[in-house]
C-alpha cells in the first residue's frame, strides 16, 4: 500500500525533525513521539492505527501550542519549520488512511 509507505516515510522525517528540535532546544519539552508500525501489513495498520492516529493529533496540538507562543525563539527556527511541515503532512496522510479504512470497512460489512 503506497499510502502507508508514504505515511511511514513522513513519520521518519517527523522523528528526525523532532530530534533536531529537541537538540536545539533542550530546555523545551520535546515534541511527542509517533510510534512506528511493527510491519507494513494491512492487519497491523488496522490494529495499531487508532493509537498512531492519536499520536499524530498530539503532535498537531504540540505544533499549534508552540505556534501560538509568538515570543518563543523555537517558533522561527528551521527545525520547528521542518517539524511543522512534517506534522501537516502526517495530518494529510492520516486523513487519507482514515478514509481508506472507513471505506474498506463499509465494503466488507
Foldseek 3Di string as FASTA:
>chain_A
DVLLVVLQVLLVLLVVLQVVLCVVCVVDDTAFHQDDQPDSDPVSCVVCVVVNLVSLVSNVVVLVVVCVPVPDPSNPDPSSVSNVVSSVVNVVSSVVVVVVVVVVVVVVD
